Amino acid sequence: MLSVLLVEDDIDLAATVVDYLELEDIRCDHAANGVAGLNLLTSHRYDVLILDLNLPRLDGLSLCRQARELGVDVPVIMLTARDTLEDKVSGFEHGADDYLVKPFALEELTVRVKALAKRRSGQVSLLQVENLQLDLQSRAAKRGERGLKLSPTGLKILEVLMRASPQPVSREALLEAVWGDEQPDSNNLKVHIFNLRKAIDTDADIALLHTLAGVGFVLREQGTR
């Protein structure tokens, strides 16, 4: 089941959206202000964020920008009564992925939610799992204050695993994401995973990179679900 967060201060509209999405088998949490929305967004995993532009306590643009700065890569649909090109450009510059002008059809919102849920946002500039960070602009990774020396392939593998975290990535999906159609021999991935694990977890109190037998690979604290 898809999981969506709706941040909207119009309680009647929010109730209508939540009820409709649940009829479409989409679970929807709701926050009525920006601060509550950001707290939910950073403490739970969602497939899509539906975000009103005008919110109390923290407006939608600021919420979106702060979420991206924190490494949240959930796709964002902005809801707003403003339909000028300038408003849309501003929304995209702050990290939105899609834009829907009020009033909107619930059927269209649902279609957009399902489409965006198939991918993570490309707007994020920083990925983070526990104290492991990857800056997507500089392509620099670090564990705590320790910089990690990784090959370009190692960085790509790390990015794929961090975007999926805390969910595992199968061996086949990882090979496809990193190498595409030109996949290497069977030992190549093993070597890269070995080197990546050594770089990430050596001298660390908590291991983050785990191999799950019959499943694939995952970045998370052991025992975390």
N, C-alpha and C. Protein backbone atom coordinates (compact mmCIF):
# COMPACT_ATOMS: atom_id res chain seq x y z
N MET A 1 0.84 -1.20 0.00
CA MET A 1 0.00 0.00 0.00
C MET A 1 0.87 1.25 0.00
N LEU A 2 0.54 2.21 -0.85
CA LEU A 2 1.26 3.46 -0.88
C LEU A 2 0.99 4.26 0.39
N SER A 3 1.98 5.01 0.83
CA SER A 3 1.86 5.84 2.02
C SER A 3 2.13 7.29 1.66
N VAL A 4 1.17 8.16 1.95
CA VAL A 4 1.23 9.56 1.55
C VAL A 4 1.07 10.45 2.77
N LEU A 5 1.77 11.58 2.76
CA LEU A 5 1.58 12.61 3.79
C LEU A 5 0.95 13.82 3.14
N LEU A 6 -0.18 14.27 3.69
CA LEU A 6 -0.86 15.47 3.23
C LEU A 6 -0.68 16.57 4.28
N VAL A 7 -0.10 17.70 3.88
CA VAL A 7 0.05 18.84 4.77
C VAL A 7 -0.85 19.94 4.23
N GLU A 8 -1.97 20.16 4.89
CA GLU A 8 -3.02 21.05 4.40
C GLU A 8 -3.79 21.60 5.59
N ASP A 9 -3.95 22.94 5.66
CA ASP A 9 -4.63 23.54 6.80
C ASP A 9 -6.13 23.66 6.61
N ASP A 10 -6.64 23.41 5.41
CA ASP A 10 -8.08 23.39 5.18
C ASP A 10 -8.58 22.01 5.59
N ILE A 11 -9.18 21.94 6.78
CA ILE A 11 -9.55 20.65 7.37
C ILE A 11 -10.58 19.91 6.53
N ASP A 12 -11.55 20.64 5.96
CA ASP A 12 -12.58 19.98 5.14
C ASP A 12 -11.96 19.37 3.89
N LEU A 13 -11.08 20.14 3.23
CA LEU A 13 -10.40 19.62 2.04
C LEU A 13 -9.53 18.43 2.39
N ALA A 14 -8.82 18.54 3.49
CA ALA A 14 -7.94 17.46 3.92
C ALA A 14 -8.72 16.17 4.17
N ALA A 15 -9.86 16.30 4.86
CA ALA A 15 -10.67 15.12 5.15
C ALA A 15 -11.17 14.47 3.86
N THR A 16 -11.54 15.30 2.89
CA THR A 16 -12.01 14.79 1.60
C THR A 16 -10.90 14.04 0.87
N VAL A 17 -9.70 14.63 0.86
CA VAL A 17 -8.57 14.00 0.18
C VAL A 17 -8.18 12.69 0.87
N VAL A 18 -8.10 12.71 2.19
CA VAL A 18 -7.72 11.50 2.94
C VAL A 18 -8.71 10.37 2.66
N ASP A 19 -10.01 10.68 2.72
CA ASP A 19 -11.03 9.67 2.50
C ASP A 19 -10.95 9.11 1.08
N TYR A 20 -10.76 9.98 0.10
CA TYR A 20 -10.71 9.53 -1.29
C TYR A 20 -9.49 8.65 -1.54
N LEU A 21 -8.34 9.08 -1.04
CA LEU A 21 -7.13 8.30 -1.25
C LEU A 21 -7.23 6.93 -0.60
N GLU A 22 -7.85 6.87 0.57
CA GLU A 22 -7.98 5.59 1.24
C GLU A 22 -8.90 4.65 0.46
N LEU A 23 -9.91 5.22 -0.24
CA LEU A 23 -10.74 4.40 -1.12
C LEU A 23 -9.93 3.85 -2.28
N GLU A 24 -8.85 4.56 -2.64
CA GLU A 24 -7.96 4.11 -3.71
C GLU A 24 -6.83 3.24 -3.17
N ASP A 25 -6.97 2.80 -1.93
CA ASP A 25 -5.98 1.94 -1.26
C ASP A 25 -4.64 2.65 -1.07
N ILE A 26 -4.71 3.95 -0.75
CA ILE A 26 -3.52 4.76 -0.45
C ILE A 26 -3.66 5.29 0.97
N ARG A 27 -2.76 4.88 1.85
CA ARG A 27 -2.81 5.36 3.24
C ARG A 27 -2.32 6.79 3.29
N CYS A 28 -3.05 7.66 4.00
CA CYS A 28 -2.72 9.08 4.00
C CYS A 28 -2.72 9.64 5.42
N ASP A 29 -1.53 10.10 5.88
CA ASP A 29 -1.44 10.84 7.13
C ASP A 29 -1.68 12.31 6.85
N HIS A 30 -2.10 13.06 7.87
CA HIS A 30 -2.42 14.48 7.66
C HIS A 30 -1.80 15.34 8.76
N ALA A 31 -1.26 16.47 8.35
CA ALA A 31 -0.78 17.50 9.28
C ALA A 31 -1.41 18.82 8.86
N ALA A 32 -1.81 19.64 9.85
CA ALA A 32 -2.53 20.88 9.56
C ALA A 32 -1.63 22.10 9.54
N ASN A 33 -0.34 21.95 9.84
CA ASN A 33 0.58 23.08 9.76
C ASN A 33 1.96 22.58 9.32
N GLY A 34 2.80 23.52 8.92
CA GLY A 34 4.08 23.16 8.35
C GLY A 34 5.04 22.50 9.31
N VAL A 35 5.04 22.95 10.56
CA VAL A 35 5.96 22.37 11.55
C VAL A 35 5.60 20.92 11.83
N ALA A 36 4.31 20.65 12.03
CA ALA A 36 3.87 19.26 12.25
C ALA A 36 4.16 18.41 11.03
N GLY A 37 3.98 19.00 9.85
CA GLY A 37 4.25 18.27 8.62
C GLY A 37 5.71 17.88 8.49
N LEU A 38 6.61 18.81 8.78
CA LEU A 38 8.05 18.53 8.69
C LEU A 38 8.45 17.46 9.70
N ASN A 39 7.87 17.51 10.91
CA ASN A 39 8.18 16.51 11.93
C ASN A 39 7.76 15.11 11.47
N LEU A 40 6.57 15.01 10.88
CA LEU A 40 6.10 13.71 10.38
C LEU A 40 6.97 13.23 9.22
N LEU A 41 7.32 14.16 8.35
CA LEU A 41 8.09 13.81 7.16
C LEU A 41 9.47 13.27 7.50
N THR A 42 10.08 13.80 8.53
CA THR A 42 11.43 13.39 8.90
C THR A 42 11.46 12.20 9.86
N SER A 43 10.30 11.79 10.35
CA SER A 43 10.27 10.67 11.30
C SER A 43 9.56 9.44 10.74
N HIS A 44 8.95 9.56 9.55
CA HIS A 44 8.27 8.44 8.93
C HIS A 44 8.68 8.36 7.45
N ARG A 45 8.43 7.21 6.86
CA ARG A 45 8.75 7.02 5.45
C ARG A 45 7.47 7.12 4.62
N TYR A 46 7.47 8.04 3.65
CA TYR A 46 6.32 8.22 2.77
C TYR A 46 6.75 8.07 1.32
N ASP A 47 5.78 7.69 0.48
CA ASP A 47 6.04 7.57 -0.95
C ASP A 47 5.87 8.91 -1.66
N VAL A 48 4.95 9.74 -1.16
CA VAL A 48 4.68 11.05 -1.77
C VAL A 48 4.26 12.03 -0.68
N LEU A 49 4.67 13.29 -0.84
CA LEU A 49 4.21 14.38 0.03
C LEU A 49 3.31 15.29 -0.78
N ILE A 50 2.08 15.50 -0.30
CA ILE A 50 1.15 16.46 -0.90
C ILE A 50 1.16 17.69 -0.01
N LEU A 51 1.62 18.80 -0.55
CA LEU A 51 1.97 19.95 0.28
C LEU A 51 1.27 21.22 -0.16
N ASP A 52 0.45 21.79 0.73
CA ASP A 52 -0.18 23.08 0.46
C ASP A 52 0.86 24.19 0.56
N LEU A 53 0.70 25.23 -0.26
CA LEU A 53 1.68 26.30 -0.28
C LEU A 53 1.53 27.23 0.93
N ASN A 54 0.30 27.60 1.23
CA ASN A 54 0.04 28.54 2.34
C ASN A 54 -0.33 27.77 3.59
N LEU A 55 0.62 27.69 4.53
CA LEU A 55 0.43 26.94 5.76
C LEU A 55 0.79 27.79 6.96
N PRO A 56 0.12 27.57 8.10
CA PRO A 56 0.53 28.26 9.33
C PRO A 56 1.82 27.67 9.89
N ARG A 57 2.55 28.47 10.64
CA ARG A 57 3.77 28.10 11.36
C ARG A 57 4.98 27.92 10.46
N LEU A 58 4.81 27.26 9.32
CA LEU A 58 5.91 27.08 8.37
C LEU A 58 5.27 26.89 7.00
N ASP A 59 5.52 27.83 6.08
CA ASP A 59 4.86 27.76 4.77
C ASP A 59 5.40 26.60 3.95
N GLY A 60 4.67 26.25 2.89
CA GLY A 60 5.00 25.08 2.10
C GLY A 60 6.36 25.16 1.43
N LEU A 61 6.71 26.33 0.89
CA LEU A 61 8.00 26.49 0.23
C LEU A 61 9.15 26.26 1.22
N SER A 62 9.02 26.83 2.41
CA SER A 62 10.08 26.66 3.42
C SER A 62 10.17 25.22 3.89
N LEU A 63 9.01 24.57 4.05
CA LEU A 63 9.00 23.17 4.46
C LEU A 63 9.72 22.32 3.42
N CYS A 64 9.39 22.55 2.15
CA CYS A 64 10.00 21.78 1.07
C CYS A 64 11.51 21.99 1.02
N ARG A 65 11.92 23.25 1.13
CA ARG A 65 13.35 23.56 1.08
C ARG A 65 14.09 22.90 2.24
N GLN A 66 13.53 23.00 3.45
CA GLN A 66 14.19 22.41 4.62
C GLN A 66 14.27 20.89 4.50
N ALA A 67 13.20 20.28 3.97
CA ALA A 67 13.20 18.83 3.79
C ALA A 67 14.31 18.40 2.83
N ARG A 68 14.48 19.14 1.74
CA ARG A 68 15.52 18.79 0.78
C ARG A 68 16.91 18.98 1.40
N GLU A 69 17.07 20.03 2.19
CA GLU A 69 18.36 20.26 2.84
C GLU A 69 18.69 19.15 3.83
N LEU A 70 17.66 18.52 4.40
CA LEU A 70 17.85 17.42 5.35
C LEU A 70 18.05 16.08 4.64
N GLY A 71 17.95 16.08 3.32
CA GLY A 71 18.16 14.86 2.57
C GLY A 71 16.90 14.05 2.30
N VAL A 72 15.73 14.61 2.57
CA VAL A 72 14.47 13.91 2.30
C VAL A 72 14.21 13.92 0.80
N ASP A 73 14.12 12.73 0.20
CA ASP A 73 13.95 12.65 -1.25
C ASP A 73 12.56 12.18 -1.67
N VAL A 74 11.57 12.41 -0.81
CA VAL A 74 10.19 12.06 -1.14
C VAL A 74 9.67 13.01 -2.23
N PRO A 75 9.07 12.49 -3.30
CA PRO A 75 8.50 13.36 -4.32
C PRO A 75 7.40 14.25 -3.73
N VAL A 76 7.37 15.52 -4.16
CA VAL A 76 6.45 16.51 -3.59
C VAL A 76 5.50 17.06 -4.65
N ILE A 77 4.20 17.01 -4.34
CA ILE A 77 3.18 17.66 -5.15
C ILE A 77 2.74 18.91 -4.39
N MET A 78 2.95 20.08 -4.98
CA MET A 78 2.51 21.34 -4.38
C MET A 78 1.04 21.59 -4.72
N LEU A 79 0.26 21.94 -3.70
CA LEU A 79 -1.12 22.35 -3.90
C LEU A 79 -1.23 23.85 -3.65
N THR A 80 -1.81 24.59 -4.58
CA THR A 80 -1.89 26.04 -4.39
C THR A 80 -2.97 26.64 -5.27
N ALA A 81 -3.47 27.81 -4.85
CA ALA A 81 -4.42 28.56 -5.66
C ALA A 81 -3.69 29.46 -6.64
N ARG A 82 -2.36 29.55 -6.52
CA ARG A 82 -1.57 30.40 -7.40
C ARG A 82 -1.18 29.62 -8.66
N ASP A 83 -1.45 30.20 -9.82
CA ASP A 83 -1.18 29.46 -11.04
C ASP A 83 -0.30 30.23 -12.03
N THR A 84 0.43 31.25 -11.54
CA THR A 84 1.32 31.98 -12.43
C THR A 84 2.61 31.19 -12.65
N LEU A 85 3.29 31.48 -13.76
CA LEU A 85 4.55 30.82 -14.06
C LEU A 85 5.57 31.09 -12.96
N GLU A 86 5.59 32.30 -12.44
CA GLU A 86 6.54 32.67 -11.39
C GLU A 86 6.33 31.82 -10.15
N ASP A 87 5.07 31.59 -9.78
CA ASP A 87 4.78 30.77 -8.61
C ASP A 87 5.24 29.34 -8.82
N LYS A 88 5.02 28.82 -10.03
CA LYS A 88 5.42 27.44 -10.31
C LYS A 88 6.94 27.30 -10.30
N VAL A 89 7.63 28.26 -10.91
CA VAL A 89 9.09 28.24 -10.92
C VAL A 89 9.62 28.26 -9.49
N SER A 90 9.02 29.11 -8.64
CA SER A 90 9.45 29.19 -7.25
C SER A 90 9.27 27.86 -6.54
N GLY A 91 8.15 27.18 -6.79
CA GLY A 91 7.91 25.89 -6.18
C GLY A 91 8.95 24.86 -6.58
N PHE A 92 9.28 24.82 -7.88
CA PHE A 92 10.28 23.86 -8.36
C PHE A 92 11.66 24.20 -7.80
N GLU A 93 11.98 25.48 -7.69
CA GLU A 93 13.28 25.89 -7.16
C GLU A 93 13.44 25.51 -5.69
N HIS A 94 12.32 25.41 -4.97
CA HIS A 94 12.37 25.04 -3.55
C HIS A 94 12.32 23.52 -3.35
N GLY A 95 12.22 22.75 -4.45
CA GLY A 95 12.30 21.30 -4.32
C GLY A 95 11.06 20.52 -4.67
N ALA A 96 10.02 21.19 -5.22
CA ALA A 96 8.81 20.46 -5.61
C ALA A 96 9.06 19.66 -6.89
N ASP A 97 8.29 18.59 -7.06
CA ASP A 97 8.39 17.76 -8.25
C ASP A 97 7.18 17.94 -9.18
N ASP A 98 6.05 18.34 -8.61
CA ASP A 98 4.83 18.50 -9.39
C ASP A 98 4.00 19.62 -8.77
N TYR A 99 3.02 20.09 -9.53
CA TYR A 99 2.26 21.27 -9.14
C TYR A 99 0.81 21.05 -9.51
N LEU A 100 -0.11 21.26 -8.58
CA LEU A 100 -1.54 21.10 -8.85
C LEU A 100 -2.28 22.32 -8.31
N VAL A 101 -3.03 22.96 -9.20
CA VAL A 101 -3.71 24.21 -8.85
C VAL A 101 -5.11 23.92 -8.32
N LYS A 102 -5.46 24.54 -7.22
CA LYS A 102 -6.81 24.43 -6.66
C LYS A 102 -7.80 25.27 -7.47
N PRO A 103 -9.03 24.82 -7.63
CA PRO A 103 -9.56 23.50 -7.25
C PRO A 103 -9.08 22.44 -8.24
N PHE A 104 -8.92 21.23 -7.74
CA PHE A 104 -8.42 20.16 -8.58
C PHE A 104 -9.34 18.95 -8.45
N ALA A 105 -9.27 18.06 -9.43
CA ALA A 105 -10.05 16.84 -9.41
C ALA A 105 -9.30 15.79 -8.60
N LEU A 106 -10.00 15.12 -7.71
CA LEU A 106 -9.37 14.10 -6.89
C LEU A 106 -8.82 12.96 -7.73
N GLU A 107 -9.47 12.69 -8.86
CA GLU A 107 -8.96 11.65 -9.76
C GLU A 107 -7.59 12.03 -10.30
N GLU A 108 -7.41 13.32 -10.65
CA GLU A 108 -6.11 13.76 -11.17
C GLU A 108 -5.05 13.69 -10.08
N LEU A 109 -5.39 14.10 -8.87
CA LEU A 109 -4.43 14.01 -7.76
C LEU A 109 -3.97 12.57 -7.56
N THR A 110 -4.91 11.65 -7.61
CA THR A 110 -4.57 10.24 -7.41
C THR A 110 -3.64 9.72 -8.50
N VAL A 111 -3.91 10.09 -9.75
CA VAL A 111 -3.05 9.68 -10.85
C VAL A 111 -1.64 10.21 -10.66
N ARG A 112 -1.52 11.47 -10.24
CA ARG A 112 -0.20 12.08 -10.04
C ARG A 112 0.53 11.43 -8.86
N VAL A 113 -0.20 11.12 -7.80
CA VAL A 113 0.41 10.46 -6.65
C VAL A 113 0.99 9.11 -7.06
N LYS A 114 0.22 8.33 -7.80
CA LYS A 114 0.68 7.00 -8.21
C LYS A 114 1.87 7.09 -9.15
N ALA A 115 1.87 8.10 -10.02
CA ALA A 115 2.99 8.27 -10.95
C ALA A 115 4.27 8.66 -10.21
N LEU A 116 4.17 9.62 -9.27
CA LEU A 116 5.35 10.08 -8.53
C LEU A 116 5.87 9.02 -7.57
N ALA A 117 4.97 8.18 -7.07
CA ALA A 117 5.38 7.16 -6.11
C ALA A 117 6.32 6.13 -6.71
N LYS A 118 6.39 6.09 -8.04
CA LYS A 118 7.25 5.11 -8.70
C LYS A 118 8.72 5.53 -8.67
N ARG A 119 9.00 6.75 -8.24
CA ARG A 119 10.39 7.19 -8.20
C ARG A 119 10.61 8.05 -6.96
N ARG A 120 11.86 8.19 -6.57
CA ARG A 120 12.23 9.14 -5.54
C ARG A 120 12.57 10.45 -6.20
N SER A 121 12.53 11.52 -5.47
CA SER A 121 12.76 12.83 -6.07
C SER A 121 14.21 13.03 -6.49
N GLY A 122 14.39 13.73 -7.60
CA GLY A 122 15.71 14.12 -8.04
C GLY A 122 16.14 15.46 -7.46
N GLN A 123 15.28 16.07 -6.64
CA GLN A 123 15.53 17.40 -6.13
C GLN A 123 16.47 17.41 -4.92
N VAL A 124 16.58 16.29 -4.25
CA VAL A 124 17.37 16.26 -3.02
C VAL A 124 18.86 16.42 -3.32
N SER A 125 19.58 17.11 -2.45
CA SER A 125 21.02 17.32 -2.66
C SER A 125 21.86 16.57 -1.64
N LEU A 126 21.23 16.07 -0.58
CA LEU A 126 21.98 15.37 0.48
C LEU A 126 21.19 14.14 0.92
N LEU A 127 21.84 12.99 0.89
CA LEU A 127 21.25 11.76 1.41
C LEU A 127 21.90 11.44 2.75
N GLN A 128 21.09 10.91 3.69
CA GLN A 128 21.64 10.60 5.01
C GLN A 128 20.97 9.36 5.57
N VAL A 129 21.78 8.45 6.08
CA VAL A 129 21.32 7.28 6.82
C VAL A 129 22.13 7.24 8.11
N GLU A 130 21.45 7.44 9.23
CA GLU A 130 22.14 7.59 10.52
C GLU A 130 23.19 8.70 10.37
N ASN A 131 24.48 8.42 10.65
CA ASN A 131 25.50 9.46 10.51
C ASN A 131 26.31 9.31 9.22
N LEU A 132 25.75 8.58 8.28
CA LEU A 132 26.35 8.42 6.95
C LEU A 132 25.71 9.42 6.00
N GLN A 133 26.51 10.23 5.32
CA GLN A 133 26.00 11.26 4.43
C GLN A 133 26.63 11.16 3.05
N LEU A 134 25.81 11.49 2.04
CA LEU A 134 26.30 11.57 0.67
C LEU A 134 25.81 12.86 0.05
N ASP A 135 26.72 13.76 -0.28
CA ASP A 135 26.40 15.01 -0.96
C ASP A 135 26.33 14.72 -2.46
N LEU A 136 25.14 14.83 -3.04
CA LEU A 136 24.95 14.46 -4.44
C LEU A 136 25.53 15.49 -5.41
N GLN A 137 25.77 16.69 -4.93
CA GLN A 137 26.35 17.72 -5.80
C GLN A 137 27.86 17.59 -5.89
N SER A 138 28.50 17.43 -4.76
CA SER A 138 29.96 17.30 -4.75
C SER A 138 30.42 15.86 -4.90
N ARG A 139 29.48 14.90 -4.78
CA ARG A 139 29.78 13.47 -4.82
C ARG A 139 30.77 13.09 -3.72
N ALA A 140 30.59 13.69 -2.56
CA ALA A 140 31.45 13.42 -1.41
C ALA A 140 30.64 12.69 -0.34
N ALA A 141 31.22 11.64 0.23
CA ALA A 141 30.57 10.86 1.27
C ALA A 141 31.37 10.91 2.55
N LYS A 142 30.67 10.85 3.69
CA LYS A 142 31.36 10.82 4.97
C LYS A 142 30.53 10.05 5.98
N ARG A 143 31.22 9.44 6.94
CA ARG A 143 30.60 8.75 8.07
C ARG A 143 30.99 9.53 9.31
N GLY A 144 30.02 10.26 9.87
CA GLY A 144 30.35 11.18 10.95
C GLY A 144 31.21 12.30 10.38
N GLU A 145 32.39 12.48 10.93
CA GLU A 145 33.31 13.50 10.42
C GLU A 145 34.39 12.89 9.53
N ARG A 146 34.32 11.57 9.31
CA ARG A 146 35.34 10.88 8.53
C ARG A 146 34.96 10.80 7.07
N GLY A 147 35.76 11.41 6.21
CA GLY A 147 35.51 11.34 4.78
C GLY A 147 35.77 9.95 4.25
N LEU A 148 34.97 9.53 3.28
CA LEU A 148 35.10 8.19 2.71
C LEU A 148 35.70 8.28 1.31
N LYS A 149 36.73 7.47 1.07
CA LYS A 149 37.34 7.41 -0.25
C LYS A 149 36.69 6.28 -1.04
N LEU A 150 35.85 6.66 -2.01
CA LEU A 150 35.10 5.69 -2.78
C LEU A 150 35.32 5.90 -4.27
N SER A 151 35.30 4.81 -5.01
CA SER A 151 35.38 4.89 -6.46
C SER A 151 34.06 5.42 -7.01
N PRO A 152 34.02 5.87 -8.26
CA PRO A 152 32.75 6.31 -8.86
C PRO A 152 31.67 5.23 -8.79
N THR A 153 32.06 3.98 -9.01
CA THR A 153 31.09 2.89 -8.91
C THR A 153 30.64 2.69 -7.47
N GLY A 154 31.56 2.79 -6.53
CA GLY A 154 31.20 2.69 -5.13
C GLY A 154 30.23 3.77 -4.71
N LEU A 155 30.43 4.99 -5.22
CA LEU A 155 29.52 6.10 -4.92
C LEU A 155 28.13 5.83 -5.49
N LYS A 156 28.07 5.26 -6.68
CA LYS A 156 26.77 4.97 -7.29
C LYS A 156 26.04 3.89 -6.51
N ILE A 157 26.75 2.85 -6.10
CA ILE A 157 26.13 1.81 -5.28
C ILE A 157 25.62 2.40 -3.97
N LEU A 158 26.43 3.25 -3.36
CA LEU A 158 26.03 3.89 -2.11
C LEU A 158 24.77 4.72 -2.30
N GLU A 159 24.71 5.47 -3.39
CA GLU A 159 23.53 6.30 -3.66
C GLU A 159 22.27 5.45 -3.79
N VAL A 160 22.36 4.36 -4.53
CA VAL A 160 21.20 3.48 -4.71
C VAL A 160 20.73 2.92 -3.38
N LEU A 161 21.66 2.47 -2.56
CA LEU A 161 21.30 1.89 -1.26
C LEU A 161 20.75 2.94 -0.31
N MET A 162 21.30 4.16 -0.35
CA MET A 162 20.83 5.21 0.55
C MET A 162 19.44 5.69 0.15
N ARG A 163 19.18 5.77 -1.13
CA ARG A 163 17.85 6.19 -1.58
C ARG A 163 16.79 5.16 -1.18
N ALA A 164 17.16 3.89 -1.14
CA ALA A 164 16.20 2.83 -0.79
C ALA A 164 16.05 2.64 0.70
N SER A 165 17.07 3.01 1.48
CA SER A 165 17.09 2.77 2.92
C SER A 165 15.83 3.30 3.60
N PRO A 166 15.27 2.55 4.55
CA PRO A 166 15.79 1.33 5.19
C PRO A 166 15.36 0.04 4.49
N GLN A 167 14.82 0.14 3.28
CA GLN A 167 14.42 -1.05 2.55
C GLN A 167 15.62 -1.66 1.82
N PRO A 168 15.65 -2.97 1.67
CA PRO A 168 16.77 -3.62 0.98
C PRO A 168 16.66 -3.47 -0.53
N VAL A 169 17.79 -3.66 -1.22
CA VAL A 169 17.85 -3.64 -2.67
C VAL A 169 18.35 -5.00 -3.13
N SER A 170 17.65 -5.63 -4.03
CA SER A 170 18.07 -6.94 -4.50
C SER A 170 19.34 -6.84 -5.32
N ARG A 171 20.06 -7.94 -5.43
CA ARG A 171 21.29 -7.96 -6.22
C ARG A 171 20.99 -7.58 -7.67
N GLU A 172 19.90 -8.10 -8.20
CA GLU A 172 19.54 -7.82 -9.59
C GLU A 172 19.21 -6.34 -9.80
N ALA A 173 18.46 -5.76 -8.85
CA ALA A 173 18.09 -4.34 -8.97
C ALA A 173 19.32 -3.45 -8.85
N LEU A 174 20.25 -3.85 -8.00
CA LEU A 174 21.48 -3.06 -7.82
C LEU A 174 22.34 -3.11 -9.08
N LEU A 175 22.47 -4.29 -9.66
CA LEU A 175 23.23 -4.43 -10.90
C LEU A 175 22.62 -3.59 -12.02
N GLU A 176 21.30 -3.61 -12.11
CA GLU A 176 20.61 -2.85 -13.15
C GLU A 176 20.78 -1.35 -12.94
N ALA A 177 20.67 -0.90 -11.69
CA ALA A 177 20.77 0.53 -11.40
C ALA A 177 22.17 1.07 -11.64
N VAL A 178 23.18 0.28 -11.36
CA VAL A 178 24.57 0.75 -11.45
C VAL A 178 25.18 0.52 -12.83
N TRP A 179 24.94 -0.66 -13.40
CA TRP A 179 25.61 -1.00 -14.66
C TRP A 179 24.67 -1.04 -15.87
N GLY A 180 23.36 -1.05 -15.64
CA GLY A 180 22.43 -1.11 -16.76
C GLY A 180 22.56 -2.41 -17.53
N ASP A 181 22.60 -2.31 -18.86
CA ASP A 181 22.67 -3.50 -19.72
C ASP A 181 24.07 -4.12 -19.75
N GLU A 182 25.08 -3.32 -19.43
CA GLU A 182 26.45 -3.82 -19.48
C GLU A 182 26.88 -4.31 -18.10
N GLN A 183 26.29 -5.39 -17.66
CA GLN A 183 26.54 -5.89 -16.32
C GLN A 183 27.86 -6.65 -16.24
N PRO A 184 28.57 -6.52 -15.11
CA PRO A 184 29.89 -7.14 -14.96
C PRO A 184 29.79 -8.62 -14.61
N ASP A 185 30.95 -9.25 -14.44
CA ASP A 185 30.94 -10.65 -14.01
C ASP A 185 30.49 -10.74 -12.56
N SER A 186 30.23 -11.96 -12.11
CA SER A 186 29.59 -12.17 -10.81
C SER A 186 30.41 -11.68 -9.63
N ASN A 187 31.73 -11.63 -9.76
CA ASN A 187 32.57 -11.22 -8.63
C ASN A 187 32.71 -9.70 -8.49
N ASN A 188 32.37 -8.97 -9.55
CA ASN A 188 32.57 -7.53 -9.55
C ASN A 188 31.77 -6.85 -8.44
N LEU A 189 30.48 -7.18 -8.36
CA LEU A 189 29.63 -6.58 -7.33
C LEU A 189 30.12 -6.95 -5.94
N LYS A 190 30.55 -8.21 -5.75
CA LYS A 190 31.05 -8.65 -4.44
C LYS A 190 32.23 -7.80 -3.99
N VAL A 191 33.13 -7.51 -4.93
CA VAL A 191 34.32 -6.71 -4.60
C VAL A 191 33.91 -5.30 -4.22
N HIS A 192 33.00 -4.71 -4.98
CA HIS A 192 32.57 -3.34 -4.69
C HIS A 192 31.84 -3.26 -3.34
N ILE A 193 31.00 -4.25 -3.05
CA ILE A 193 30.31 -4.27 -1.75
C ILE A 193 31.31 -4.44 -0.62
N PHE A 194 32.30 -5.30 -0.81
CA PHE A 194 33.34 -5.49 0.21
C PHE A 194 34.06 -4.17 0.48
N ASN A 195 34.47 -3.48 -0.58
CA ASN A 195 35.19 -2.21 -0.41
C ASN A 195 34.30 -1.14 0.21
N LEU A 196 33.02 -1.13 -0.19
CA LEU A 196 32.10 -0.15 0.36
C LEU A 196 31.85 -0.39 1.84
N ARG A 197 31.67 -1.65 2.22
CA ARG A 197 31.47 -1.99 3.63
C ARG A 197 32.70 -1.62 4.46
N LYS A 198 33.87 -1.89 3.90
CA LYS A 198 35.11 -1.56 4.60
C LYS A 198 35.21 -0.05 4.83
N ALA A 199 34.86 0.73 3.81
CA ALA A 199 34.95 2.19 3.92
C ALA A 199 33.93 2.74 4.92
N ILE A 200 32.71 2.19 4.90
CA ILE A 200 31.63 2.72 5.74
C ILE A 200 31.76 2.28 7.19
N ASP A 201 32.02 1.00 7.41
CA ASP A 201 31.86 0.42 8.74
C ASP A 201 33.15 0.20 9.52
N THR A 202 34.32 0.31 8.87
CA THR A 202 35.58 0.15 9.60
C THR A 202 35.70 1.24 10.68
N ASP A 203 36.00 0.84 11.89
CA ASP A 203 36.17 1.74 13.04
C ASP A 203 34.87 2.41 13.49
N ALA A 204 33.72 1.98 12.95
CA ALA A 204 32.43 2.54 13.36
C ALA A 204 31.83 1.69 14.47
N ASP A 205 31.14 2.32 15.40
CA ASP A 205 30.52 1.58 16.50
C ASP A 205 29.36 0.72 16.02
N ILE A 206 28.66 1.20 14.99
CA ILE A 206 27.48 0.50 14.49
C ILE A 206 27.66 0.24 13.00
N ALA A 207 27.52 -1.03 12.59
CA ALA A 207 27.60 -1.38 11.17
C ALA A 207 26.29 -0.99 10.48
N LEU A 208 26.41 -0.44 9.28
CA LEU A 208 25.23 0.00 8.53
C LEU A 208 24.97 -0.82 7.27
N LEU A 209 26.01 -1.32 6.62
CA LEU A 209 25.82 -2.05 5.38
C LEU A 209 25.73 -3.54 5.66
N HIS A 210 24.59 -4.14 5.31
CA HIS A 210 24.35 -5.55 5.62
C HIS A 210 23.96 -6.31 4.36
N THR A 211 24.38 -7.56 4.30
CA THR A 211 23.95 -8.48 3.27
C THR A 211 22.84 -9.36 3.83
N LEU A 212 21.70 -9.38 3.17
CA LEU A 212 20.57 -10.20 3.61
C LEU A 212 20.47 -11.41 2.69
N ALA A 213 20.72 -12.56 3.23
CA ALA A 213 20.75 -13.80 2.44
C ALA A 213 19.43 -13.99 1.70
N GLY A 214 19.52 -14.19 0.41
CA GLY A 214 18.34 -14.42 -0.41
C GLY A 214 17.54 -13.18 -0.71
N VAL A 215 17.98 -12.03 -0.20
CA VAL A 215 17.23 -10.77 -0.41
C VAL A 215 18.06 -9.76 -1.18
N GLY A 216 19.23 -9.40 -0.63
CA GLY A 216 20.08 -8.41 -1.28
C GLY A 216 20.91 -7.67 -0.26
N PHE A 217 20.95 -6.35 -0.40
CA PHE A 217 21.79 -5.51 0.46
C PHE A 217 20.94 -4.37 1.02
N VAL A 218 21.33 -3.91 2.22
CA VAL A 218 20.56 -2.86 2.87
C VAL A 218 21.47 -1.97 3.71
N LEU A 219 21.15 -0.69 3.76
CA LEU A 219 21.83 0.26 4.64
C LEU A 219 20.88 0.64 5.76
N ARG A 220 21.19 0.20 6.97
CA ARG A 220 20.41 0.54 8.15
C ARG A 220 21.07 -0.10 9.36
N GLU A 221 20.66 0.35 10.54
CA GLU A 221 21.14 -0.32 11.75
C GLU A 221 20.55 -1.72 11.79
N GLN A 222 21.33 -2.67 12.21
CA GLN A 222 20.87 -4.06 12.27
C GLN A 222 19.65 -4.14 13.17
N GLY A 223 18.60 -4.79 12.70
CA GLY A 223 17.39 -4.93 13.48
C GLY A 223 16.35 -3.87 13.17
N THR A 224 16.75 -2.79 12.48
CA THR A 224 15.79 -1.74 12.11
C THR A 224 14.90 -2.22 10.99
N ARG A 225 13.64 -1.90 11.06
CA ARG A 225 12.70 -2.28 10.02
C ARG A 225 12.17 -1.04 9.32
